[in-house]
Every structure is written in structure tokens, then in C-alpha cells.
Amino acid sequence: MAVLSLKDASILINAVDLSNRANSVSVNYEVDSIEVTAFGSTGHIFAGGLQNNSVEISLMQDYAATNVEATIYGLVGTTTTLAIKATSSATSPTNPLYTISSAFLSAHTPVAGAVGEIAMTTLSFTGGTIVKTTS
């Protein structure tokens, strides 16, 4: 049985590679359950509804041009595209690419941290649709 130590994830936000500034990523793929139980049923019956996805990414803050702050600040209150893989290797059946289109970013904390700590920002994207690519 193969296992994966997540240490080389690929994270693109709005087509900008921020992999070297991230230290945590979580892609949650979910579909709403809609009850379709009718009279005569002996138990609840559900059908799949809309995707209800979320992505959380922790980034080490960087104010340089074309880096974290320059990429993220303007995305608050808008939708964007995220492209995430477990490793930076080529997309394949063992390294699928998850593309999340129309992911909404409602908030961003541009300055956060304590004395002597790395300045961090954690982004929570919601909504959108996920497409899994294996080639």
C-alpha cells in the first residue's frame, strides 16, 4: 500500500504559483444531499444536489510584487480559479489535478502574527465547482 507524505503540493491561485509560500492546504469536495423521500418509503432517500466545495490554504505572507499579498488582496469579494495537486509532478492518475472554478473568497487577513513568528494568512474559499483531471 502506497502512502503520500504531503511535502511538495502545487497550489495556483488565479494562475499564480504560491506553492513555495504555502504550508497547509485542504480541498473539501462535497455535494448537497436533497431529500426525495416519497410516501410509501420505509427510509429516507436522498439525491445529489449542487456541489458545496471549500478550500483552505495557509500562506506565509509576502508583500513583494506578484506574490502573496499582490495576488490575494484584490480577490476578496470575488471568485477565482484554484488549481491544486498533491505534488508538483505531472498530472496523472496517481497525481490528479483539482481545478476549482468560481471559488469565492470572502475575507483575507493581510497582517497576522505575534512577535518573532512568521506572518501568516489563512484563506477560506467557498463554492465553485471541482473538476478532477488525471492526464
C-alpha atoms as a PDB file:
ATOM      1  CA  MET A   1       0.000   0.000   0.000  1.00  0.00           C
ATOM      2  CA  ALA A   2       1.414   3.371  -1.059  1.00  0.00           C
ATOM      3  CA  VAL A   3       1.116   6.382   1.193  1.00  0.00           C
ATOM      4  CA  LEU A   4       1.904  10.026   0.496  1.00  0.00           C
ATOM      5  CA  SER A   5       3.740  12.496   2.670  1.00  0.00           C
ATOM      6  CA  LEU A   6       2.415  15.889   1.601  1.00  0.00           C
ATOM      7  CA  LYS A   7       5.576  17.963   1.142  1.00  0.00           C
ATOM      8  CA  ASP A   8       5.534  19.182  -2.476  1.00  0.00           C
ATOM      9  CA  ALA A   9       1.952  20.341  -3.105  1.00  0.00           C
ATOM     10  CA  SER A  10       1.248  22.527  -6.114  1.00  0.00           C
ATOM     11  CA  ILE A  11      -1.035  25.499  -5.401  1.00  0.00           C
ATOM     12  CA  LEU A  12      -2.058  28.023  -8.045  1.00  0.00           C
ATOM     13  CA  ILE A  13      -4.390  30.850  -7.118  1.00  0.00           C
ATOM     14  CA  ASN A  14      -5.651  32.940 -10.004  1.00  0.00           C
ATOM     15  CA  ALA A  15      -2.926  31.284 -12.158  1.00  0.00           C
ATOM     16  CA  VAL A  16      -0.165  32.460  -9.751  1.00  0.00           C
ATOM     17  CA  ASP A  17       2.002  29.695  -8.262  1.00  0.00           C
ATOM     18  CA  LEU A  18       2.092  30.242  -4.486  1.00  0.00           C
ATOM     19  CA  SER A  19       3.293  26.735  -3.618  1.00  0.00           C
ATOM     20  CA  ASN A  20       6.549  27.998  -2.107  1.00  0.00           C
ATOM     21  CA  ARG A  21       4.613  30.224   0.332  1.00  0.00           C
ATOM     22  CA  ALA A  22       2.017  27.669   1.481  1.00  0.00           C
ATOM     23  CA  ASN A  23       2.374  25.247   4.371  1.00  0.00           C
ATOM     24  CA  SER A  24      -1.145  23.835   4.540  1.00  0.00           C
ATOM     25  CA  VAL A  25      -3.887  23.058   2.033  1.00  0.00           C
ATOM     26  CA  SER A  26      -7.239  21.315   2.303  1.00  0.00           C
ATOM     27  CA  VAL A  27      -9.654  20.657  -0.571  1.00  0.00           C
ATOM     28  CA  ASN A  28     -13.137  19.603   0.542  1.00  0.00           C
ATOM     29  CA  TYR A  29     -15.344  18.135  -2.181  1.00  0.00           C
ATOM     30  CA  GLU A  30     -18.979  17.922  -1.126  1.00  0.00           C
ATOM     31  CA  VAL A  31     -22.358  17.575  -2.801  1.00  0.00           C
ATOM     32  CA  ASP A  32     -25.538  18.711  -1.063  1.00  0.00           C
ATOM     33  CA  SER A  33     -27.921  15.894  -0.180  1.00  0.00           C
ATOM     34  CA  ILE A  34     -31.508  16.588  -1.164  1.00  0.00           C
ATOM     35  CA  GLU A  35     -34.240  14.510   0.381  1.00  0.00           C
ATOM     36  CA  VAL A  36     -36.518  12.872  -2.195  1.00  0.00           C
ATOM     37  CA  THR A  37     -38.391  10.549   0.153  1.00  0.00           C
ATOM     38  CA  ALA A  38     -41.937   9.874  -1.057  1.00  0.00           C
ATOM     39  CA  PHE A  39     -44.985   8.307   0.542  1.00  0.00           C
ATOM     40  CA  GLY A  40     -44.597   4.566   0.859  1.00  0.00           C
ATOM     41  CA  SER A  41     -40.853   4.733   1.543  1.00  0.00           C
ATOM     42  CA  THR A  42     -39.571   2.895   4.604  1.00  0.00           C
ATOM     43  CA  GLY A  43     -36.496   5.073   4.973  1.00  0.00           C
ATOM     44  CA  HIS A  44     -35.106   8.404   3.876  1.00  0.00           C
ATOM     45  CA  ILE A  45     -33.972   8.619   0.240  1.00  0.00           C
ATOM     46  CA  PHE A  46     -31.552  11.266  -0.995  1.00  0.00           C
ATOM     47  CA  ALA A  47     -30.316  12.583  -4.325  1.00  0.00           C
ATOM     48  CA  GLY A  48     -27.232  14.621  -5.042  1.00  0.00           C
ATOM     49  CA  GLY A  49     -27.706  18.360  -5.367  1.00  0.00           C
ATOM     50  CA  LEU A  50     -25.219  21.142  -6.011  1.00  0.00           C
ATOM     51  CA  GLN A  51     -21.518  20.972  -5.234  1.00  0.00           C
ATOM     52  CA  ASN A  52     -20.731  22.671  -1.913  1.00  0.00           C
ATOM     53  CA  ASN A  53     -16.953  22.841  -2.004  1.00  0.00           C
ATOM     54  CA  SER A  54     -14.391  24.599   0.150  1.00  0.00           C
ATOM     55  CA  VAL A  55     -10.633  25.082   0.078  1.00  0.00           C
ATOM     56  CA  GLU A  56      -8.453  26.295   2.924  1.00  0.00           C
ATOM     57  CA  ILE A  57      -4.876  27.416   2.331  1.00  0.00           C
ATOM     58  CA  SER A  58      -2.360  28.767   4.860  1.00  0.00           C
ATOM     59  CA  LEU A  59       0.255  31.059   3.348  1.00  0.00           C
ATOM     60  CA  MET A  60       3.355  32.735   4.710  1.00  0.00           C
ATOM     61  CA  GLN A  61       2.736  36.404   3.993  1.00  0.00           C
ATOM     62  CA  ASP A  62       4.886  38.154   1.402  1.00  0.00           C
ATOM     63  CA  TYR A  63       4.290  41.694   0.165  1.00  0.00           C
ATOM     64  CA  ALA A  64       6.592  41.521  -2.874  1.00  0.00           C
ATOM     65  CA  ALA A  65       5.102  42.142  -6.302  1.00  0.00           C
ATOM     66  CA  THR A  66       3.455  39.067  -7.871  1.00  0.00           C
ATOM     67  CA  ASN A  67       3.493  37.222  -4.550  1.00  0.00           C
ATOM     68  CA  VAL A  68       1.000  36.502  -1.753  1.00  0.00           C
ATOM     69  CA  GLU A  69      -0.440  39.942  -0.932  1.00  0.00           C
ATOM     70  CA  ALA A  70      -0.368  41.181  -4.521  1.00  0.00           C
ATOM     71  CA  THR A  71      -2.257  38.073  -5.638  1.00  0.00           C
ATOM     72  CA  ILE A  72      -4.780  37.812  -2.799  1.00  0.00           C
ATOM     73  CA  TYR A  73      -5.810  41.354  -1.854  1.00  0.00           C
ATOM     74  CA  GLY A  74      -7.842  42.057  -4.989  1.00  0.00           C
ATOM     75  CA  LEU A  75      -9.627  38.686  -4.850  1.00  0.00           C
ATOM     76  CA  VAL A  76     -11.624  39.456  -1.705  1.00  0.00           C
ATOM     77  CA  GLY A  77     -15.320  39.558  -2.593  1.00  0.00           C
ATOM     78  CA  THR A  78     -14.786  37.911  -5.970  1.00  0.00           C
ATOM     79  CA  THR A  79     -14.472  34.453  -7.473  1.00  0.00           C
ATOM     80  CA  THR A  80     -11.323  32.936  -8.859  1.00  0.00           C
ATOM     81  CA  THR A  81      -9.849  29.667 -10.090  1.00  0.00           C
ATOM     82  CA  LEU A  82      -7.662  27.419  -7.942  1.00  0.00           C
ATOM     83  CA  ALA A  83      -5.517  24.553  -9.255  1.00  0.00           C
ATOM     84  CA  ILE A  84      -4.206  22.135  -6.627  1.00  0.00           C
ATOM     85  CA  LYS A  85      -2.197  18.897  -6.791  1.00  0.00           C
ATOM     86  CA  ALA A  86      -0.636  16.795  -4.045  1.00  0.00           C
ATOM     87  CA  THR A  87       2.776  17.073  -5.731  1.00  0.00           C
ATOM     88  CA  SER A  88       4.347  19.323  -8.338  1.00  0.00           C
ATOM     89  CA  SER A  89       4.898  16.317 -10.625  1.00  0.00           C
ATOM     90  CA  ALA A  90       2.958  15.947 -13.857  1.00  0.00           C
ATOM     91  CA  THR A  91      -0.788  15.403 -13.641  1.00  0.00           C
ATOM     92  CA  SER A  92      -1.549  11.672 -13.733  1.00  0.00           C
ATOM     93  CA  PRO A  93      -3.913   9.087 -12.249  1.00  0.00           C
ATOM     94  CA  THR A  94      -1.621   8.969  -9.192  1.00  0.00           C
ATOM     95  CA  ASN A  95      -1.274  12.790  -9.017  1.00  0.00           C
ATOM     96  CA  PRO A  96      -4.645  14.259 -10.005  1.00  0.00           C
ATOM     97  CA  LEU A  97      -5.171  17.963 -10.586  1.00  0.00           C
ATOM     98  CA  TYR A  98      -8.172  19.504  -8.841  1.00  0.00           C
ATOM     99  CA  THR A  99      -9.360  22.667 -10.586  1.00  0.00           C
ATOM    100  CA  ILE A 100     -11.870  24.665  -8.595  1.00  0.00           C
ATOM    101  CA  SER A 101     -13.625  27.268 -10.748  1.00  0.00           C
ATOM    102  CA  SER A 102     -15.612  30.200  -9.327  1.00  0.00           C
ATOM    103  CA  ALA A 103     -14.265  29.756  -5.787  1.00  0.00           C
ATOM    104  CA  PHE A 104     -15.379  32.728  -3.655  1.00  0.00           C
ATOM    105  CA  LEU A 105     -13.017  34.466  -1.226  1.00  0.00           C
ATOM    106  CA  SER A 106     -14.962  36.471   1.375  1.00  0.00           C
ATOM    107  CA  ALA A 107     -12.092  37.601   3.623  1.00  0.00           C
ATOM    108  CA  HIS A 108      -8.329  37.980   3.909  1.00  0.00           C
ATOM    109  CA  THR A 109      -6.214  38.961   6.925  1.00  0.00           C
ATOM    110  CA  PRO A 110      -3.253  40.844   5.441  1.00  0.00           C
ATOM    111  CA  VAL A 111      -1.371  41.166   8.756  1.00  0.00           C
ATOM    112  CA  ALA A 112      -1.406  38.419  11.380  1.00  0.00           C
ATOM    113  CA  GLY A 113       1.187  37.049  13.773  1.00  0.00           C
ATOM    114  CA  ALA A 114       2.944  37.577  17.074  1.00  0.00           C
ATOM    115  CA  VAL A 115       6.416  38.777  17.970  1.00  0.00           C
ATOM    116  CA  GLY A 116       9.041  36.572  16.358  1.00  0.00           C
ATOM    117  CA  GLU A 117       6.529  34.496  14.362  1.00  0.00           C
ATOM    118  CA  ILE A 118       6.147  34.185  10.622  1.00  0.00           C
ATOM    119  CA  ALA A 119       3.403  36.478   9.315  1.00  0.00           C
ATOM    120  CA  MET A 120       0.637  34.204   8.014  1.00  0.00           C
ATOM    121  CA  THR A 121      -2.668  34.475   6.218  1.00  0.00           C
ATOM    122  CA  THR A 122      -5.239  31.693   6.008  1.00  0.00           C
ATOM    123  CA  LEU A 123      -7.652  31.792   3.102  1.00  0.00           C
ATOM    124  CA  SER A 124     -11.023  30.065   3.049  1.00  0.00           C
ATOM    125  CA  PHE A 125     -12.544  29.740  -0.403  1.00  0.00           C
ATOM    126  CA  THR A 126     -16.130  28.518  -0.721  1.00  0.00           C
ATOM    127  CA  GLY A 127     -18.376  27.399  -3.550  1.00  0.00           C
ATOM    128  CA  GLY A 128     -17.483  26.821  -7.139  1.00  0.00           C
ATOM    129  CA  THR A 129     -17.157  23.542  -8.977  1.00  0.00           C
ATOM    130  CA  ILE A 130     -14.367  20.969  -8.864  1.00  0.00           C
ATOM    131  CA  VAL A 131     -13.066  19.105 -11.880  1.00  0.00           C
ATOM    132  CA  LYS A 132     -10.566  16.272 -11.339  1.00  0.00           C
ATOM    133  CA  THR A 133      -8.046  15.771 -14.174  1.00  0.00           C
ATOM    134  CA  THR A 134      -5.810  12.693 -14.347  1.00  0.00           C
ATOM    135  CA  SER A 135      -3.932  13.274 -17.602  1.00  0.00           C
END
